C-alpha atoms as a PDB file:
ATOM      1  CA  MET A   1     -11.600 -16.004  15.113  1.00  0.00           C
ATOM      2  CA  ASP A   2     -10.791 -19.858  14.324  1.00  0.00           C
ATOM      3  CA  ASP A   3      -8.343 -20.368  11.463  1.00  0.00           C
ATOM      4  CA  ARG A   4     -11.287 -21.422   8.569  1.00  0.00           C
ATOM      5  CA  LYS A   5     -12.856 -18.199   9.098  1.00  0.00           C
ATOM      6  CA  LEU A   6      -9.342 -16.466   8.596  1.00  0.00           C
ATOM      7  CA  LYS A   7      -8.535 -18.652   5.463  1.00  0.00           C
ATOM      8  CA  ILE A   8     -12.165 -17.623   4.025  1.00  0.00           C
ATOM      9  CA  LEU A   9     -11.632 -13.836   4.816  1.00  0.00           C
ATOM     10  CA  ALA A  10      -8.325 -14.196   2.906  1.00  0.00           C
ATOM     11  CA  ALA A  11      -9.857 -16.044   0.137  1.00  0.00           C
ATOM     12  CA  VAL A  12     -12.434 -13.279  -0.571  1.00  0.00           C
ATOM     13  CA  ILE A  13      -9.883 -10.583  -0.137  1.00  0.00           C
ATOM     14  CA  ASP A  14      -8.015 -12.044  -3.196  1.00  0.00           C
ATOM     15  CA  GLU A  15     -10.771 -12.635  -4.849  1.00  0.00           C
ATOM     16  CA  TYR A  16     -12.125  -9.341  -4.876  1.00  0.00           C
ATOM     17  CA  VAL A  17      -8.253  -8.109  -5.761  1.00  0.00           C
ATOM     18  CA  ARG A  18      -8.526 -10.089  -8.480  1.00  0.00           C
ATOM     19  CA  THR A  19     -12.290  -9.023 -10.156  1.00  0.00           C
ATOM     20  CA  GLY A  20     -13.203  -6.070  -8.310  1.00  0.00           C
ATOM     21  CA  GLU A  21     -16.525  -7.669  -7.547  1.00  0.00           C
ATOM     22  CA  PRO A  22     -18.235  -8.557  -4.270  1.00  0.00           C
ATOM     23  CA  VAL A  23     -17.362 -12.074  -3.617  1.00  0.00           C
ATOM     24  CA  GLY A  24     -20.198 -14.926  -3.141  1.00  0.00           C
ATOM     25  CA  SER A  25     -19.814 -18.286  -1.367  1.00  0.00           C
ATOM     26  CA  LYS A  26     -20.185 -20.359  -4.627  1.00  0.00           C
ATOM     27  CA  ALA A  27     -17.022 -18.852  -5.824  1.00  0.00           C
ATOM     28  CA  ILE A  28     -15.046 -19.456  -2.854  1.00  0.00           C
ATOM     29  CA  SER A  29     -16.312 -22.925  -2.519  1.00  0.00           C
ATOM     30  CA  LYS A  30     -14.560 -23.453  -5.669  1.00  0.00           C
ATOM     31  CA  LEU A  31     -11.369 -22.524  -4.594  1.00  0.00           C
ATOM     32  CA  ASP A  32      -8.652 -25.713  -4.027  1.00  0.00           C
ATOM     33  CA  ASN A  33      -7.970 -24.233  -0.544  1.00  0.00           C
ATOM     34  CA  ILE A  34     -11.271 -24.306   0.653  1.00  0.00           C
ATOM     35  CA  LYS A  35     -12.728 -27.733   1.622  1.00  0.00           C
ATOM     36  CA  VAL A  36     -15.890 -26.819   3.262  1.00  0.00           C
ATOM     37  CA  SER A  37     -19.200 -26.556   1.554  1.00  0.00           C
ATOM     38  CA  ALA A  38     -20.863 -22.895   0.142  1.00  0.00           C
ATOM     39  CA  ALA A  39     -23.747 -23.197   3.291  1.00  0.00           C
ATOM     40  CA  THR A  40     -20.655 -23.283   5.414  1.00  0.00           C
ATOM     41  CA  ILE A  41     -18.556 -20.447   3.697  1.00  0.00           C
ATOM     42  CA  ARG A  42     -22.218 -18.159   3.559  1.00  0.00           C
ATOM     43  CA  ASN A  43     -22.637 -18.751   7.227  1.00  0.00           C
ATOM     44  CA  ASP A  44     -18.687 -17.930   8.191  1.00  0.00           C
ATOM     45  CA  MET A  45     -18.625 -14.889   5.848  1.00  0.00           C
ATOM     46  CA  ALA A  46     -22.146 -13.755   7.666  1.00  0.00           C
ATOM     47  CA  ALA A  47     -20.295 -14.005  11.130  1.00  0.00           C
ATOM     48  CA  LEU A  48     -17.413 -12.263   9.499  1.00  0.00           C
ATOM     49  CA  GLU A  49     -19.636  -9.228   8.236  1.00  0.00           C
ATOM     50  CA  GLN A  50     -20.943  -9.295  12.166  1.00  0.00           C
ATOM     51  CA  MET A  51     -17.273  -8.999  13.078  1.00  0.00           C
ATOM     52  CA  GLY A  52     -16.966  -5.896  11.080  1.00  0.00           C
ATOM     53  CA  TYR A  53     -14.081  -7.639   8.297  1.00  0.00           C
ATOM     54  CA  LEU A  54     -16.538  -7.710   5.483  1.00  0.00           C
ATOM     55  CA  GLU A  55     -19.897  -5.775   4.382  1.00  0.00           C
ATOM     56  CA  GLN A  56     -22.705  -6.601   1.749  1.00  0.00           C
ATOM     57  CA  PRO A  57     -23.020  -3.481  -0.437  1.00  0.00           C
ATOM     58  CA  HIS A  58     -26.510  -4.762  -1.900  1.00  0.00           C
ATOM     59  CA  THR A  59     -28.523  -7.224  -0.281  1.00  0.00           C
ATOM     60  CA  SER A  60     -28.471  -9.786  -3.076  1.00  0.00           C
ATOM     61  CA  ALA A  61     -24.913  -9.222  -3.828  1.00  0.00           C
ATOM     62  CA  GLY A  62     -21.470 -10.664  -2.306  1.00  0.00           C
ATOM     63  CA  ARG A  63     -19.476  -9.060   0.284  1.00  0.00           C
ATOM     64  CA  VAL A  64     -16.232  -6.661  -0.002  1.00  0.00           C
ATOM     65  CA  PRO A  65     -14.063  -6.348   2.512  1.00  0.00           C
ATOM     66  CA  THR A  66     -13.702  -3.254   4.750  1.00  0.00           C
ATOM     67  CA  PHE A  67     -10.775  -1.385   6.327  1.00  0.00           C
ATOM     68  CA  ALA A  68     -10.659  -3.600   9.146  1.00  0.00           C
ATOM     69  CA  GLY A  69     -10.524  -6.706   6.890  1.00  0.00           C
ATOM     70  CA  TYR A  70      -7.820  -5.155   4.832  1.00  0.00           C
ATOM     71  CA  ARG A  71      -5.649  -4.505   7.952  1.00  0.00           C
ATOM     72  CA  LEU A  72      -6.184  -8.028   9.481  1.00  0.00           C
ATOM     73  CA  TYR A  73      -4.920  -9.444   5.753  1.00  0.00           C
ATOM     74  CA  ILE A  74      -2.296  -7.341   5.838  1.00  0.00           C
ATOM     75  CA  ASP A  75      -0.860  -7.503   9.209  1.00  0.00           C
ATOM     76  CA  GLU A  76      -1.723 -11.117   9.893  1.00  0.00           C
ATOM     77  CA  LEU A  77      -3.005 -13.481   6.736  1.00  0.00           C
ATOM     78  CA  MET A  78      -0.842 -12.078   3.282  1.00  0.00           C
ATOM     79  CA  THR A  79       2.074 -14.393   2.187  1.00  0.00           C
ATOM     80  CA  LEU A  80       4.116 -12.455   0.379  1.00  0.00           C
ATOM     81  CA  PRO A  81       5.932 -14.011  -2.764  1.00  0.00           C
ATOM     82  CA  ASP A  82       9.761 -13.699  -3.670  1.00  0.00           C
ATOM     83  CA  LEU A  83      10.140 -11.308  -6.783  1.00  0.00           C
ATOM     84  CA  PRO A  84      11.232 -13.273  -9.521  1.00  0.00           C
ATOM     85  CA  ASP A  85      15.131 -12.821 -10.348  1.00  0.00           C
ATOM     86  CA  ASP A  86      14.061 -12.216 -13.744  1.00  0.00           C
ATOM     87  CA  GLU A  87      11.851  -9.089 -12.421  1.00  0.00           C
ATOM     88  CA  LYS A  88      14.743  -8.050 -10.282  1.00  0.00           C
ATOM     89  CA  LYS A  89      17.136  -7.809 -13.651  1.00  0.00           C
ATOM     90  CA  ARG A  90      14.258  -5.753 -15.405  1.00  0.00           C
ATOM     91  CA  LEU A  91      14.283  -3.455 -12.053  1.00  0.00           C
ATOM     92  CA  ASP A  92      17.870  -3.182 -12.349  1.00  0.00           C
ATOM     93  CA  ASN A  93      17.730  -1.837 -15.657  1.00  0.00           C
ATOM     94  CA  MET A  94      15.335   0.331 -15.334  1.00  0.00           C
ATOM     95  CA  LEU A  95      17.014   2.117 -12.066  1.00  0.00           C
ATOM     96  CA  GLY A  96      20.541   2.905 -13.242  1.00  0.00           C
ATOM     97  CA  ASP A  97      23.795   1.582 -11.515  1.00  0.00           C
ATOM     98  CA  GLU A  98      26.188   3.339  -8.819  1.00  0.00           C
ATOM     99  CA  ASP A  99      27.017   6.453 -11.506  1.00  0.00           C
ATOM    100  CA  THR A 100      23.648   7.477 -11.983  1.00  0.00           C
ATOM    101  CA  PRO A 101      22.881  10.392 -10.214  1.00  0.00           C
ATOM    102  CA  GLU A 102      20.880   9.980  -7.303  1.00  0.00           C
ATOM    103  CA  GLU A 103      18.017  12.267  -8.288  1.00  0.00           C
ATOM    104  CA  LEU A 104      17.487  10.487 -11.250  1.00  0.00           C
ATOM    105  CA  LEU A 105      17.885   6.977  -9.163  1.00  0.00           C
ATOM    106  CA  VAL A 106      14.855   7.805  -7.359  1.00  0.00           C
ATOM    107  CA  GLN A 107      12.658   9.518 -10.459  1.00  0.00           C
ATOM    108  CA  ASN A 108      13.441   6.137 -12.081  1.00  0.00           C
ATOM    109  CA  ALA A 109      12.142   4.309  -9.327  1.00  0.00           C
ATOM    110  CA  ALA A 110       8.775   6.176  -8.820  1.00  0.00           C
ATOM    111  CA  ALA A 111       8.659   5.814 -12.845  1.00  0.00           C
ATOM    112  CA  ALA A 112       8.895   1.839 -12.660  1.00  0.00           C
ATOM    113  CA  LEU A 113       6.727   1.572  -9.870  1.00  0.00           C
ATOM    114  CA  THR A 114       4.466   3.731 -11.806  1.00  0.00           C
ATOM    115  CA  GLU A 115       4.419   1.518 -15.003  1.00  0.00           C
ATOM    116  CA  ILE A 116       4.439  -1.363 -12.933  1.00  0.00           C
ATOM    117  CA  THR A 117       1.497  -1.138 -10.932  1.00  0.00           C
ATOM    118  CA  GLN A 118      -0.446   1.587 -12.694  1.00  0.00           C
ATOM    119  CA  CYS A 119      -0.935   3.234  -9.632  1.00  0.00           C
ATOM    120  CA  ALA A 120       0.699   6.898  -8.842  1.00  0.00           C
ATOM    121  CA  ALA A 121       4.031   6.591  -7.108  1.00  0.00           C
ATOM    122  CA  VAL A 122       5.067   9.051  -4.156  1.00  0.00           C
ATOM    123  CA  VAL A 123       8.885   9.877  -3.475  1.00  0.00           C
ATOM    124  CA  THR A 124       9.970  11.942  -0.784  1.00  0.00           C
ATOM    125  CA  ASN A 125      13.823  12.911   0.361  1.00  0.00           C
ATOM    126  CA  SER A 126      13.906  13.110   4.522  1.00  0.00           C
ATOM    127  CA  VAL A 127      13.993  16.060   6.672  1.00  0.00           C
ATOM    128  CA  PRO A 128      17.508  15.834   8.190  1.00  0.00           C
ATOM    129  CA  ARG A 129      16.223  15.901  11.760  1.00  0.00           C
ATOM    130  CA  PHE A 130      19.556  15.155  13.152  1.00  0.00           C
ATOM    131  CA  SER A 131      21.669  16.751  11.089  1.00  0.00           C
ATOM    132  CA  VAL A 132      23.889  19.822  11.601  1.00  0.00           C
ATOM    133  CA  ILE A 133      25.210  22.950   9.446  1.00  0.00           C
ATOM    134  CA  SER A 134      28.514  22.074   9.350  1.00  0.00           C
ATOM    135  CA  LYS A 135      29.721  24.687   6.888  1.00  0.00           C
ATOM    136  CA  VAL A 136      28.183  28.509   6.032  1.00  0.00           C
ATOM    137  CA  GLU A 137      30.170  30.269   3.060  1.00  0.00           C
ATOM    138  CA  VAL A 138      30.025  33.300   1.148  1.00  0.00           C
ATOM    139  CA  ILE A 139      31.562  33.331  -2.232  1.00  0.00           C
ATOM    140  CA  PRO A 140      31.880  36.675  -4.679  1.00  0.00           C
ATOM    141  CA  THR A 141      31.146  35.083  -8.165  1.00  0.00           C
ATOM    142  CA  GLY A 142      30.899  38.431 -10.245  1.00  0.00           C
ATOM    143  CA  LYS A 143      30.058  42.367  -9.346  1.00  0.00           C
ATOM    144  CA  ARG A 144      27.708  42.919  -6.721  1.00  0.00           C
ATOM    145  CA  LEU A 145      26.491  39.419  -6.974  1.00  0.00           C
ATOM    146  CA  TYR A 146      27.729  36.522  -4.136  1.00  0.00           C
ATOM    147  CA  VAL A 147      26.595  32.822  -3.483  1.00  0.00           C
ATOM    148  CA  ILE A 148      26.020  31.500   0.173  1.00  0.00           C
ATOM    149  CA  LEU A 149      26.273  27.703   0.313  1.00  0.00           C
ATOM    150  CA  LEU A 150      25.053  25.492   3.533  1.00  0.00           C
ATOM    151  CA  ILE A 151      26.141  22.387   3.868  1.00  0.00           C
ATOM    152  CA  THR A 152      24.709  19.835   6.376  1.00  0.00           C
ATOM    153  CA  SER A 153      26.301  16.802   8.344  1.00  0.00           C
ATOM    154  CA  ASN A 154      24.166  14.824   6.230  1.00  0.00           C
ATOM    155  CA  GLY A 155      25.728  15.720   3.156  1.00  0.00           C
ATOM    156  CA  SER A 156      22.625  18.369   1.887  1.00  0.00           C
ATOM    157  CA  ILE A 157      24.008  21.268   0.019  1.00  0.00           C
ATOM    158  CA  LYS A 158      22.152  24.481  -0.412  1.00  0.00           C
ATOM    159  CA  ASN A 159      23.207  27.508  -2.295  1.00  0.00           C
ATOM    160  CA  LYS A 160      21.770  30.760  -3.284  1.00  0.00           C
ATOM    161  CA  ALA A 161      22.837  33.697  -5.554  1.00  0.00           C
ATOM    162  CA  CYS A 162      22.119  37.123  -3.868  1.00  0.00           C
ATOM    163  CA  ARG A 163      22.777  40.580  -5.665  1.00  0.00           C
ATOM    164  CA  LEU A 164      23.738  43.251  -3.093  1.00  0.00           C
ATOM    165  CA  GLU A 165      23.416  47.257  -3.837  1.00  0.00           C
ATOM    166  CA  PHE A 166      27.455  47.591  -4.045  1.00  0.00           C
ATOM    167  CA  ASP A 167      30.210  45.040  -3.642  1.00  0.00           C
ATOM    168  CA  LEU A 168      31.454  44.135  -0.098  1.00  0.00           C
ATOM    169  CA  SER A 169      35.369  45.077   1.172  1.00  0.00           C
ATOM    170  CA  HIS A 170      37.291  41.908   2.131  1.00  0.00           C
ATOM    171  CA  GLU A 171      36.793  43.337   5.857  1.00  0.00           C
ATOM    172  CA  GLN A 172      33.012  43.707   5.183  1.00  0.00           C
ATOM    173  CA  LEU A 173      32.933  40.397   3.943  1.00  0.00           C
ATOM    174  CA  GLU A 174      34.979  38.621   6.750  1.00  0.00           C
ATOM    175  CA  PHE A 175      32.966  40.069   9.330  1.00  0.00           C
ATOM    176  CA  PHE A 176      29.693  38.366   7.985  1.00  0.00           C
ATOM    177  CA  SER A 177      31.216  35.609   7.043  1.00  0.00           C
ATOM    178  CA  HIS A 178      32.900  35.328  10.642  1.00  0.00           C
ATOM    179  CA  TYR A 179      29.608  35.923  11.961  1.00  0.00           C
ATOM    180  CA  ILE A 180      27.175  33.495  10.215  1.00  0.00           C
ATOM    181  CA  GLU A 181      30.108  31.005  10.830  1.00  0.00           C
ATOM    182  CA  GLU A 182      29.904  31.159  14.504  1.00  0.00           C
ATOM    183  CA  ASN A 183      26.469  31.167  14.747  1.00  0.00           C
ATOM    184  CA  LEU A 184      25.426  28.765  12.371  1.00  0.00           C
ATOM    185  CA  SER A 185      28.228  26.183  12.314  1.00  0.00           C
ATOM    186  CA  GLY A 186      26.967  22.937  14.463  1.00  0.00           C
ATOM    187  CA  ILE A 187      23.328  24.447  15.068  1.00  0.00           C
ATOM    188  CA  SER A 188      20.737  21.733  14.366  1.00  0.00           C
ATOM    189  CA  VAL A 189      18.438  21.974  11.356  1.00  0.00           C
ATOM    190  CA  ASN A 190      15.907  21.257  13.796  1.00  0.00           C
ATOM    191  CA  ASP A 191      17.176  24.545  15.848  1.00  0.00           C
ATOM    192  CA  LEU A 192      16.777  26.817  12.438  1.00  0.00           C
ATOM    193  CA  SER A 193      13.436  28.504  14.388  1.00  0.00           C
ATOM    194  CA  GLU A 194      12.450  31.945  13.215  1.00  0.00           C
ATOM    195  CA  GLU A 195      13.572  33.599  16.520  1.00  0.00           C
ATOM    196  CA  VAL A 196      17.065  32.367  16.410  1.00  0.00           C
ATOM    197  CA  LEU A 197      17.262  33.701  12.617  1.00  0.00           C
ATOM    198  CA  ASP A 198      15.377  37.242  13.325  1.00  0.00           C
ATOM    199  CA  LYS A 199      18.078  37.874  16.029  1.00  0.00           C
ATOM    200  CA  MET A 200      20.830  36.806  13.591  1.00  0.00           C
ATOM    201  CA  VAL A 201      19.244  39.284  11.192  1.00  0.00           C
ATOM    202  CA  ALA A 202      18.857  42.206  13.500  1.00  0.00           C
ATOM    203  CA  ALA A 203      22.413  41.735  15.182  1.00  0.00           C
ATOM    204  CA  VAL A 204      24.126  41.742  11.295  1.00  0.00           C
ATOM    205  CA  SER A 205      21.623  44.755  10.146  1.00  0.00           C
ATOM    206  CA  ALA A 206      22.844  46.676  12.861  1.00  0.00           C
ATOM    207  CA  TYR A 207      26.398  46.609  11.322  1.00  0.00           C
ATOM    208  CA  MET A 208      25.066  47.340   7.957  1.00  0.00           C
ATOM    209  CA  VAL A 209      21.836  47.279   6.516  1.00  0.00           C
ATOM    210  CA  SER A 210      22.823  46.618   3.346  1.00  0.00           C
ATOM    211  CA  LEU A 211      24.151  42.916   4.266  1.00  0.00           C
ATOM    212  CA  PHE A 212      20.249  42.050   4.712  1.00  0.00           C
ATOM    213  CA  PRO A 213      20.155  40.292   1.197  1.00  0.00           C
ATOM    214  CA  LEU A 214      22.358  37.753   2.169  1.00  0.00           C
ATOM    215  CA  VAL A 215      20.684  37.517   5.546  1.00  0.00           C
ATOM    216  CA  ARG A 216      17.466  36.986   3.528  1.00  0.00           C
ATOM    217  CA  GLY A 217      19.267  34.287   1.392  1.00  0.00           C
ATOM    218  CA  ILE A 218      20.019  32.544   4.446  1.00  0.00           C
ATOM    219  CA  CYS A 219      16.827  32.236   6.114  1.00  0.00           C
ATOM    220  CA  GLU A 220      15.256  31.405   2.885  1.00  0.00           C
ATOM    221  CA  LEU A 221      17.841  28.268   2.833  1.00  0.00           C
ATOM    222  CA  SER A 222      17.371  27.499   6.467  1.00  0.00           C
ATOM    223  CA  GLU A 223      13.522  26.911   5.637  1.00  0.00           C
ATOM    224  CA  ASP A 224      14.173  24.893   2.431  1.00  0.00           C
ATOM    225  CA  LEU A 225      16.511  22.497   4.474  1.00  0.00           C
ATOM    226  CA  ARG A 226      13.385  21.905   6.937  1.00  0.00           C
ATOM    227  CA  GLN A 227      10.944  21.515   4.322  1.00  0.00           C
ATOM    228  CA  GLN A 228      10.584  17.908   3.031  1.00  0.00           C
ATOM    229  CA  GLU A 229      10.288  17.683  -1.053  1.00  0.00           C
ATOM    230  CA  LEU A 230       7.547  15.458  -2.088  1.00  0.00           C
ATOM    231  CA  THR A 231       6.590  14.475  -5.785  1.00  0.00           C
ATOM    232  CA  ILE A 232       3.681  12.637  -7.115  1.00  0.00           C
ATOM    233  CA  SER A 233       4.159  10.614 -10.488  1.00  0.00           C
ATOM    234  CA  GLY A 234       1.183   9.100 -12.527  1.00  0.00           C
ATOM    235  CA  GLY A 235      -1.228  11.249 -10.613  1.00  0.00           C
ATOM    236  CA  GLU A 236      -3.581  10.715 -13.809  1.00  0.00           C
ATOM    237  CA  LYS A 237      -3.619   6.840 -12.200  1.00  0.00           C
ATOM    238  CA  LEU A 238      -5.338   8.225  -9.574  1.00  0.00           C
ATOM    239  CA  LEU A 239      -7.915  10.296 -11.731  1.00  0.00           C
ATOM    240  CA  SER A 240      -8.873   7.509 -13.816  1.00  0.00           C
ATOM    241  CA  CYS A 241      -9.294   4.877 -11.069  1.00  0.00           C
ATOM    242  CA  GLU A 242     -13.022   4.037 -10.378  1.00  0.00           C
ATOM    243  CA  ASP A 243     -12.454   3.245  -6.785  1.00  0.00           C
ATOM    244  CA  LEU A 244     -11.521   6.467  -5.833  1.00  0.00           C
ATOM    245  CA  ASP A 245     -13.616   9.919  -5.595  1.00  0.00           C
ATOM    246  CA  LYS A 246     -12.230  12.114  -8.054  1.00  0.00           C
ATOM    247  CA  MET A 247     -12.548  15.256  -6.032  1.00  0.00           C
ATOM    248  CA  GLU A 248     -10.762  13.826  -3.287  1.00  0.00           C
ATOM    249  CA  VAL A 249      -8.187  13.238  -5.976  1.00  0.00           C
ATOM    250  CA  ILE A 250      -8.046  16.505  -7.185  1.00  0.00           C
ATOM    251  CA  ARG A 251      -7.739  17.913  -3.368  1.00  0.00           C
ATOM    252  CA  PHE A 252      -5.117  15.396  -2.860  1.00  0.00           C
ATOM    253  CA  ILE A 253      -2.882  16.332  -5.911  1.00  0.00           C
ATOM    254  CA  GLU A 254      -3.259  20.538  -5.197  1.00  0.00           C
ATOM    255  CA  HIS A 255      -2.404  19.671  -1.382  1.00  0.00           C
ATOM    256  CA  LYS A 256      -0.011  16.491  -1.528  1.00  0.00           C
ATOM    257  CA  ASN A 257       2.759  18.342   0.755  1.00  0.00           C
ATOM    258  CA  GLU A 258      -0.251  17.208   3.758  1.00  0.00           C
ATOM    259  CA  LEU A 259       1.240  14.039   2.887  1.00  0.00           C
ATOM    260  CA  SER A 260       4.782  14.819   4.363  1.00  0.00           C
ATOM    261  CA  ASP A 261       3.605  14.046   8.086  1.00  0.00           C
ATOM    262  CA  VAL A 262       2.269  10.673   7.381  1.00  0.00           C
ATOM    263  CA  LEU A 263       5.485  10.000   5.366  1.00  0.00           C
ATOM    264  CA  GLU A 264       7.421  10.969   8.351  1.00  0.00           C
ATOM    265  CA  ASP A 265       6.274   8.983  10.864  1.00  0.00           C
ATOM    266  CA  THR A 266       7.223   6.059   8.617  1.00  0.00           C
ATOM    267  CA  PHE A 267       9.629   3.604  10.078  1.00  0.00           C
ATOM    268  CA  SER A 268      11.891   1.171   8.219  1.00  0.00           C
ATOM    269  CA  GLY A 269      11.060  -1.789   6.347  1.00  0.00           C
ATOM    270  CA  ILE A 270       7.611  -1.793   4.297  1.00  0.00           C
ATOM    271  CA  GLN A 271       4.348   0.242   5.813  1.00  0.00           C
ATOM    272  CA  VAL A 272       0.789   0.135   4.473  1.00  0.00           C
ATOM    273  CA  LYS A 273      -1.347   2.870   5.814  1.00  0.00           C
ATOM    274  CA  PHE A 274      -4.881   3.464   4.734  1.00  0.00           C
ATOM    275  CA  GLY A 275      -6.453   6.790   3.859  1.00  0.00           C
ATOM    276  CA  SER A 276      -9.548   6.412   6.827  1.00  0.00           C
ATOM    277  CA  GLU A 277      -6.696   6.028   9.323  1.00  0.00           C
ATOM    278  CA  ASN A 278      -5.187   9.497   8.649  1.00  0.00           C
ATOM    279  CA  ASP A 279      -7.155  12.747   8.308  1.00  0.00           C
ATOM    280  CA  SER A 280      -4.172  14.809   6.433  1.00  0.00           C
ATOM    281  CA  PHE A 281      -4.522  11.719   3.741  1.00  0.00           C
ATOM    282  CA  ALA A 282      -7.475  13.487   1.564  1.00  0.00           C
ATOM    283  CA  ILE A 283      -8.296  10.165  -0.116  1.00  0.00           C
ATOM    284  CA  GLY A 284     -10.640   8.246   1.842  1.00  0.00           C
ATOM    285  CA  ASN A 285     -10.571   4.860   0.159  1.00  0.00           C
ATOM    286  CA  SER A 286      -7.143   4.853  -0.744  1.00  0.00           C
ATOM    287  CA  SER A 287      -3.857   2.770   0.378  1.00  0.00           C
ATOM    288  CA  LEU A 288      -0.548   4.196   0.509  1.00  0.00           C
ATOM    289  CA  ILE A 289       2.445   1.218   0.429  1.00  0.00           C
ATOM    290  CA  VAL A 290       5.833   2.568   1.491  1.00  0.00           C
ATOM    291  CA  SER A 291       9.190   2.079   2.296  1.00  0.00           C
ATOM    292  CA  LYS A 292      12.326   4.233   3.339  1.00  0.00           C
ATOM    293  CA  TYR A 293      15.633   4.312   1.130  1.00  0.00           C
ATOM    294  CA  ARG A 294      18.892   4.898   3.142  1.00  0.00           C
ATOM    295  CA  LYS A 295      22.187   6.466   2.165  1.00  0.00           C
ATOM    296  CA  ASP A 296      25.008   5.211   3.998  1.00  0.00           C
ATOM    297  CA  GLY A 297      23.180   3.836   6.458  1.00  0.00           C
ATOM    298  CA  LYS A 298      20.934   6.956   7.133  1.00  0.00           C
ATOM    299  CA  GLU A 299      17.562   8.043   6.504  1.00  0.00           C
ATOM    300  CA  ALA A 300      17.515   9.392   2.898  1.00  0.00           C
ATOM    301  CA  GLY A 301      13.721   9.667   1.749  1.00  0.00           C
ATOM    302  CA  SER A 302      10.547   7.596   0.783  1.00  0.00           C
ATOM    303  CA  LEU A 303       9.591   5.407  -2.062  1.00  0.00           C
ATOM    304  CA  GLY A 304       6.094   4.122  -2.569  1.00  0.00           C
ATOM    305  CA  VAL A 305       2.406   3.954  -4.124  1.00  0.00           C
ATOM    306  CA  ILE A 306      -0.666   5.265  -3.565  1.00  0.00           C
ATOM    307  CA  GLY A 307      -3.825   3.626  -5.029  1.00  0.00           C
ATOM    308  CA  PRO A 308      -7.104   2.580  -3.926  1.00  0.00           C
ATOM    309  CA  MET A 309      -7.953   0.180  -0.901  1.00  0.00           C
ATOM    310  CA  ARG A 310      -8.377  -2.410  -3.462  1.00  0.00           C
ATOM    311  CA  VAL A 311      -4.866  -3.092  -4.947  1.00  0.00           C
ATOM    312  CA  ASP A 312      -2.375  -6.579  -4.996  1.00  0.00           C
ATOM    313  CA  TYR A 313      -0.718  -6.245  -2.363  1.00  0.00           C
ATOM    314  CA  LYS A 314       0.989  -9.148  -2.784  1.00  0.00           C
ATOM    315  CA  LYS A 315       2.372  -8.532  -5.900  1.00  0.00           C
ATOM    316  CA  ILE A 316       2.875  -4.129  -4.995  1.00  0.00           C
ATOM    317  CA  ILE A 317       4.775  -4.869  -1.916  1.00  0.00           C
ATOM    318  CA  PRO A 318       7.882  -6.983  -3.578  1.00  0.00           C
ATOM    319  CA  TYR A 319       8.370  -4.220  -6.027  1.00  0.00           C
ATOM    320  CA  VAL A 320       8.395  -1.487  -3.512  1.00  0.00           C
ATOM    321  CA  ASP A 321      11.189  -3.198  -0.740  1.00  0.00           C
ATOM    322  CA  TYR A 322      13.034  -4.366  -3.458  1.00  0.00           C
ATOM    323  CA  LEU A 323      13.274  -0.709  -5.240  1.00  0.00           C
ATOM    324  CA  THR A 324      13.850   0.755  -2.076  1.00  0.00           C
ATOM    325  CA  GLN A 325      16.541  -1.776  -0.979  1.00  0.00           C
ATOM    326  CA  LYS A 326      18.418  -0.925  -4.283  1.00  0.00           C
ATOM    327  CA  ILE A 327      18.076   2.637  -4.188  1.00  0.00           C
ATOM    328  CA  SER A 328      20.099   2.392  -0.785  1.00  0.00           C
ATOM    329  CA  TYR A 329      22.965   0.109  -2.218  1.00  0.00           C
ATOM    330  CA  LEU A 330      23.653   2.308  -4.891  1.00  0.00           C
ATOM    331  CA  MET A 331      23.479   5.177  -3.268  1.00  0.00           C
ATOM    332  CA  SER A 332      26.000   3.862  -0.804  1.00  0.00           C
ATOM    333  CA  GLY A 333      28.774   2.770  -3.196  1.00  0.00           C
ATOM    334  CA  GLY A 334      27.375  -1.012  -2.849  1.00  0.00           C
ATOM    335  CA  GLU A 335      28.301  -0.647   0.564  1.00  0.00           C
ATOM    336  CA  ASP A 336      24.546  -0.949   2.302  1.00  0.00           C
ATOM    337  CA  ASP A 337      23.402  -4.093   2.776  1.00  0.00           C
ATOM    338  CA  MET A 338      21.268  -5.766  -0.244  1.00  0.00           C
ATOM    339  CA  ILE A 339      18.851  -8.174   1.098  1.00  0.00           C
ATOM    340  CA  SER A 340      17.857 -10.840  -1.273  1.00  0.00           C
ATOM    341  CA  GLY A 341      14.897 -13.003  -1.158  1.00  0.00           C
ATOM    342  CA  THR A 342      11.543 -11.518  -0.340  1.00  0.00           C
ATOM    343  CA  VAL A 343      10.594  -8.439   1.912  1.00  0.00           C
ATOM    344  CA  ALA A 344      13.652  -7.521   4.646  1.00  0.00           C
ATOM    345  CA  GLU A 345      12.588  -6.264   7.746  1.00  0.00           C
ATOM    346  CA  THR A 346       8.838  -5.551   6.750  1.00  0.00           C
ATOM    347  CA  ASP A 347       6.421  -4.059   9.439  1.00  0.00           C
ATOM    348  CA  LEU A 348       2.977  -3.768   7.881  1.00  0.00           C
ATOM    349  CA  THR A 349       1.616  -2.291  11.222  1.00  0.00           C
ATOM    350  CA  PRO A 350      -0.067   1.113  10.453  1.00  0.00           C
END
């Protein structure tokens, strides 16, 4: 494909994003950076349609981008602007500072994205694939009440209160704590299979069946550690979007955790994924713009937006990029690299 066709494709997509209407050759010929006649543009648009990058909704209408057209545009043609300094300051005020709790930082970022982009925001915490259980404690907190505390090497802390039928003696508590510490400490979170936990249940129950509530509590905490927490904010934005099928949106909201696998495959930098590329992504005519945020150099979660395929990528990507960088910086106590300028380490491949 020659440079002229690429330029025309980019112009059609920019115009379609702006207006939401099929784009004709006359509209493109009026653009300052297109220096050819409407007839030449019309021929090139027909060629782009044959190549699968444009389509014509109606015989008399202009053309709109296809999934393949958007992918080529995002991967090769789009030029991202710098985020203005005043916008960075506005985002900083919306986020918080180093003293803001981490969970609130991420919630604030999601709220900012929803407000600015008018799309739904998606937030996850990463499943700590490479973390191990570093500490297990059983703490008496009241009459027949015990709290199990699990701490992982990536700093995740899980706790659960369990009530037993009677108070444990010092020896019983010491046995249980020693056994759990010996069998779980240093174990990878990914290795906490049902088989491993079943063996632990059988061994402890053989010693004293009344300890079962504590073992069950540990099993539940282990399951929590393996689960990726995913929240969607601004779901009403999707429901009110005319470009999206409402029934698909409803199914997506009801089964949002199906998106976890898509997000888990996201690498560093900005990524753009389309609903038509992923069977588990229930909204067909949609796009997901997402990036990872980090804590102390390690992946801590994902932040992004979900909207129609016809979103303003040039506008949204710099916001997602800046917010994930800023969250990483604040979560790391100001020690993580905060890269200024346009999009840092951007990977716009699917």
